[in-house]
């Protein structure tokens, strides 16, 4: 067997290994119930902030711990622990995507957050529709 054939085989094996490891490490969007079934696996959970629940963040004592409660798409509520500072305007977000894993049945540890902020254009602030006016005819 020629050296070039050996190099090509080794290269193919490395590429297949990288593809398989990438596929196995990729996360999927799930609910809290599905994430609880596999506690140490990383998932993406989409949801909204729980109304009436406090956001817990003490920048003086522990600036790298932010705790909040979130409802997933099924309406299940969980405590979220994010070991980083609280994002600016977090309270205004319409939707939150948390990326992380379940610590136990009631606590989700988020490694990162993605926020969907509300549109700066609300229905009541949009300009009135243009009204058609006849400025004369070209006939």
C-alpha atoms as a PDB file:
ATOM      1  CA  UNK A   1       0.000   0.000   0.000  1.00  0.00           C
ATOM      2  CA  UNK A   2       1.345   3.395  -0.936  1.00  0.00           C
ATOM      3  CA  UNK A   3       1.999   6.129   1.614  1.00  0.00           C
ATOM      4  CA  UNK A   4      -0.598   8.398  -0.009  1.00  0.00           C
ATOM      5  CA  UNK A   5      -3.295   5.753   0.557  1.00  0.00           C
ATOM      6  CA  UNK A   6      -2.397   5.495   4.247  1.00  0.00           C
ATOM      7  CA  UNK A   7      -2.529   9.288   4.631  1.00  0.00           C
ATOM      8  CA  UNK A   8      -5.923   9.435   2.919  1.00  0.00           C
ATOM      9  CA  UNK A   9      -7.326   6.672   5.156  1.00  0.00           C
ATOM     10  CA  UNK A  10      -6.065   8.416   8.298  1.00  0.00           C
ATOM     11  CA  UNK A  11      -7.537  11.717   7.084  1.00  0.00           C
ATOM     12  CA  UNK A  12     -10.935  10.080   6.430  1.00  0.00           C
ATOM     13  CA  UNK A  13     -10.915   8.493   9.914  1.00  0.00           C
ATOM     14  CA  UNK A  14     -10.128  11.862  11.536  1.00  0.00           C
ATOM     15  CA  UNK A  15     -12.899  13.638   9.584  1.00  0.00           C
ATOM     16  CA  UNK A  16     -15.446  10.946  10.506  1.00  0.00           C
ATOM     17  CA  UNK A  17     -14.388  11.214  14.165  1.00  0.00           C
ATOM     18  CA  UNK A  18     -14.829  14.981  14.177  1.00  0.00           C
ATOM     19  CA  UNK A  19     -18.263  14.748  12.535  1.00  0.00           C
ATOM     20  CA  UNK A  20     -19.458  12.105  15.009  1.00  0.00           C
ATOM     21  CA  UNK A  21     -18.219  14.053  18.027  1.00  0.00           C
ATOM     22  CA  UNK A  22     -19.854  17.247  16.758  1.00  0.00           C
ATOM     23  CA  UNK A  23     -23.193  15.515  16.242  1.00  0.00           C
ATOM     24  CA  UNK A  24     -23.121  13.860  19.663  1.00  0.00           C
ATOM     25  CA  UNK A  25     -22.236  17.145  21.425  1.00  0.00           C
ATOM     26  CA  UNK A  26     -24.871  19.263  19.706  1.00  0.00           C
ATOM     27  CA  UNK A  27     -27.750  20.299  21.907  1.00  0.00           C
ATOM     28  CA  UNK A  28     -31.409  20.206  21.102  1.00  0.00           C
ATOM     29  CA  UNK A  29     -34.418  22.293  22.115  1.00  0.00           C
ATOM     30  CA  UNK A  30     -36.403  20.546  24.840  1.00  0.00           C
ATOM     31  CA  UNK A  31     -38.741  21.174  27.754  1.00  0.00           C
ATOM     32  CA  UNK A  32     -37.705  20.964  31.404  1.00  0.00           C
ATOM     33  CA  UNK A  33     -39.267  17.503  31.696  1.00  0.00           C
ATOM     34  CA  UNK A  34     -37.151  16.174  28.832  1.00  0.00           C
ATOM     35  CA  UNK A  35     -34.008  17.821  30.228  1.00  0.00           C
ATOM     36  CA  UNK A  36     -34.653  16.226  33.637  1.00  0.00           C
ATOM     37  CA  UNK A  37     -34.533  12.767  32.049  1.00  0.00           C
ATOM     38  CA  UNK A  38     -30.849  13.293  31.164  1.00  0.00           C
ATOM     39  CA  UNK A  39     -29.464  15.474  33.971  1.00  0.00           C
ATOM     40  CA  UNK A  40     -25.873  15.924  32.791  1.00  0.00           C
ATOM     41  CA  UNK A  41     -26.562  16.512  29.104  1.00  0.00           C
ATOM     42  CA  UNK A  42     -26.625  20.019  27.654  1.00  0.00           C
ATOM     43  CA  UNK A  43     -29.917  21.295  26.244  1.00  0.00           C
ATOM     44  CA  UNK A  44     -31.544  24.473  24.950  1.00  0.00           C
ATOM     45  CA  UNK A  45     -34.819  25.391  26.681  1.00  0.00           C
ATOM     46  CA  UNK A  46     -37.069  28.154  25.343  1.00  0.00           C
ATOM     47  CA  UNK A  47     -39.401  29.955  27.687  1.00  0.00           C
ATOM     48  CA  UNK A  48     -40.560  33.125  29.366  1.00  0.00           C
ATOM     49  CA  UNK A  49     -39.906  34.651  32.760  1.00  0.00           C
ATOM     50  CA  UNK A  50     -42.295  33.507  35.478  1.00  0.00           C
ATOM     51  CA  UNK A  51     -44.650  36.357  36.314  1.00  0.00           C
ATOM     52  CA  UNK A  52     -44.551  37.452  39.939  1.00  0.00           C
ATOM     53  CA  UNK A  53     -41.253  35.704  40.711  1.00  0.00           C
ATOM     54  CA  UNK A  54     -38.252  37.695  41.891  1.00  0.00           C
ATOM     55  CA  UNK A  55     -34.984  38.009  40.035  1.00  0.00           C
ATOM     56  CA  UNK A  56     -32.180  37.328  42.520  1.00  0.00           C
ATOM     57  CA  UNK A  57     -28.933  39.148  41.831  1.00  0.00           C
ATOM     58  CA  UNK A  58     -26.582  40.692  44.382  1.00  0.00           C
ATOM     59  CA  UNK A  59     -23.741  42.434  42.534  1.00  0.00           C
ATOM     60  CA  UNK A  60     -21.897  43.326  45.735  1.00  0.00           C
ATOM     61  CA  UNK A  61     -21.787  39.909  47.407  1.00  0.00           C
ATOM     62  CA  UNK A  62     -21.806  37.539  44.442  1.00  0.00           C
ATOM     63  CA  UNK A  63     -21.670  39.219  41.025  1.00  0.00           C
ATOM     64  CA  UNK A  64     -21.412  35.860  39.265  1.00  0.00           C
ATOM     65  CA  UNK A  65     -24.700  34.365  40.388  1.00  0.00           C
ATOM     66  CA  UNK A  66     -28.046  35.287  38.901  1.00  0.00           C
ATOM     67  CA  UNK A  67     -31.162  33.302  39.822  1.00  0.00           C
ATOM     68  CA  UNK A  68     -34.557  33.559  38.190  1.00  0.00           C
ATOM     69  CA  UNK A  69     -37.622  31.420  37.458  1.00  0.00           C
ATOM     70  CA  UNK A  70     -38.745  30.500  33.975  1.00  0.00           C
ATOM     71  CA  UNK A  71     -41.723  28.808  32.315  1.00  0.00           C
ATOM     72  CA  UNK A  72     -40.950  26.461  29.423  1.00  0.00           C
ATOM     73  CA  UNK A  73     -43.182  25.953  26.375  1.00  0.00           C
ATOM     74  CA  UNK A  74     -45.304  23.426  28.305  1.00  0.00           C
ATOM     75  CA  UNK A  75     -45.810  25.868  31.190  1.00  0.00           C
ATOM     76  CA  UNK A  76     -43.526  24.012  33.619  1.00  0.00           C
ATOM     77  CA  UNK A  77     -41.658  26.328  35.966  1.00  0.00           C
ATOM     78  CA  UNK A  78     -38.063  25.801  37.108  1.00  0.00           C
ATOM     79  CA  UNK A  79     -35.467  27.716  39.057  1.00  0.00           C
ATOM     80  CA  UNK A  80     -32.601  28.813  36.801  1.00  0.00           C
ATOM     81  CA  UNK A  81     -29.107  29.382  38.173  1.00  0.00           C
ATOM     82  CA  UNK A  82     -26.861  31.361  35.846  1.00  0.00           C
ATOM     83  CA  UNK A  83     -23.261  31.651  37.043  1.00  0.00           C
ATOM     84  CA  UNK A  84     -22.571  34.992  35.460  1.00  0.00           C
ATOM     85  CA  UNK A  85     -23.782  38.564  35.831  1.00  0.00           C
ATOM     86  CA  UNK A  86     -27.368  39.553  35.095  1.00  0.00           C
ATOM     87  CA  UNK A  87     -27.800  40.721  31.488  1.00  0.00           C
ATOM     88  CA  UNK A  88     -28.861  44.304  30.940  1.00  0.00           C
ATOM     89  CA  UNK A  89     -32.629  44.785  30.452  1.00  0.00           C
ATOM     90  CA  UNK A  90     -33.239  41.131  31.313  1.00  0.00           C
ATOM     91  CA  UNK A  91     -36.654  41.954  32.790  1.00  0.00           C
ATOM     92  CA  UNK A  92     -37.837  43.351  29.454  1.00  0.00           C
ATOM     93  CA  UNK A  93     -37.116  40.200  27.439  1.00  0.00           C
ATOM     94  CA  UNK A  94     -40.087  38.534  25.783  1.00  0.00           C
ATOM     95  CA  UNK A  95     -38.447  35.147  25.481  1.00  0.00           C
ATOM     96  CA  UNK A  96     -35.384  33.515  26.985  1.00  0.00           C
ATOM     97  CA  UNK A  97     -33.329  30.626  25.627  1.00  0.00           C
ATOM     98  CA  UNK A  98     -31.199  28.981  28.288  1.00  0.00           C
ATOM     99  CA  UNK A  99     -28.367  26.638  27.401  1.00  0.00           C
ATOM    100  CA  UNK A 100     -27.207  24.236  30.081  1.00  0.00           C
ATOM    101  CA  UNK A 101     -28.264  21.169  32.024  1.00  0.00           C
ATOM    102  CA  UNK A 102     -30.543  20.112  34.857  1.00  0.00           C
ATOM    103  CA  UNK A 103     -28.883  19.860  38.276  1.00  0.00           C
ATOM    104  CA  UNK A 104     -31.900  18.070  39.751  1.00  0.00           C
ATOM    105  CA  UNK A 105     -35.648  17.934  39.086  1.00  0.00           C
ATOM    106  CA  UNK A 106     -36.220  21.547  40.118  1.00  0.00           C
ATOM    107  CA  UNK A 107     -33.014  23.450  39.244  1.00  0.00           C
ATOM    108  CA  UNK A 108     -31.519  24.132  35.810  1.00  0.00           C
ATOM    109  CA  UNK A 109     -27.951  25.431  35.550  1.00  0.00           C
ATOM    110  CA  UNK A 110     -27.613  27.779  32.586  1.00  0.00           C
ATOM    111  CA  UNK A 111     -24.192  28.183  31.000  1.00  0.00           C
ATOM    112  CA  UNK A 112     -25.434  30.871  28.637  1.00  0.00           C
ATOM    113  CA  UNK A 113     -28.548  32.912  27.910  1.00  0.00           C
ATOM    114  CA  UNK A 114     -30.065  34.241  24.715  1.00  0.00           C
ATOM    115  CA  UNK A 115     -32.673  36.973  25.050  1.00  0.00           C
ATOM    116  CA  UNK A 116     -35.409  38.029  22.666  1.00  0.00           C
ATOM    117  CA  UNK A 117     -36.064  41.632  23.474  1.00  0.00           C
ATOM    118  CA  UNK A 118     -39.383  43.300  22.714  1.00  0.00           C
ATOM    119  CA  UNK A 119     -39.706  45.196  19.497  1.00  0.00           C
ATOM    120  CA  UNK A 120     -39.096  48.889  19.765  1.00  0.00           C
ATOM    121  CA  UNK A 121     -42.131  49.377  17.555  1.00  0.00           C
ATOM    122  CA  UNK A 122     -45.370  48.797  19.420  1.00  0.00           C
ATOM    123  CA  UNK A 123     -48.758  48.896  17.734  1.00  0.00           C
ATOM    124  CA  UNK A 124     -49.751  52.063  19.536  1.00  0.00           C
ATOM    125  CA  UNK A 125     -46.518  53.843  18.590  1.00  0.00           C
ATOM    126  CA  UNK A 126     -46.612  53.060  14.883  1.00  0.00           C
ATOM    127  CA  UNK A 127     -47.357  56.000  12.632  1.00  0.00           C
ATOM    128  CA  UNK A 128     -50.792  56.253  11.106  1.00  0.00           C
ATOM    129  CA  UNK A 129     -51.185  54.648   7.727  1.00  0.00           C
ATOM    130  CA  UNK A 130     -50.796  56.903   4.764  1.00  0.00           C
ATOM    131  CA  UNK A 131     -54.108  58.061   3.460  1.00  0.00           C
ATOM    132  CA  UNK A 132     -54.618  58.248  -0.235  1.00  0.00           C
ATOM    133  CA  UNK A 133     -55.049  61.754  -1.487  1.00  0.00           C
ATOM    134  CA  UNK A 134     -55.738  62.952  -4.960  1.00  0.00           C
ATOM    135  CA  UNK A 135     -53.369  65.763  -5.907  1.00  0.00           C
ATOM    136  CA  UNK A 136     -54.826  66.286  -9.324  1.00  0.00           C
ATOM    137  CA  UNK A 137     -54.873  64.204 -12.422  1.00  0.00           C
ATOM    138  CA  UNK A 138     -52.530  64.084 -15.349  1.00  0.00           C
ATOM    139  CA  UNK A 139     -55.280  63.611 -17.889  1.00  0.00           C
END
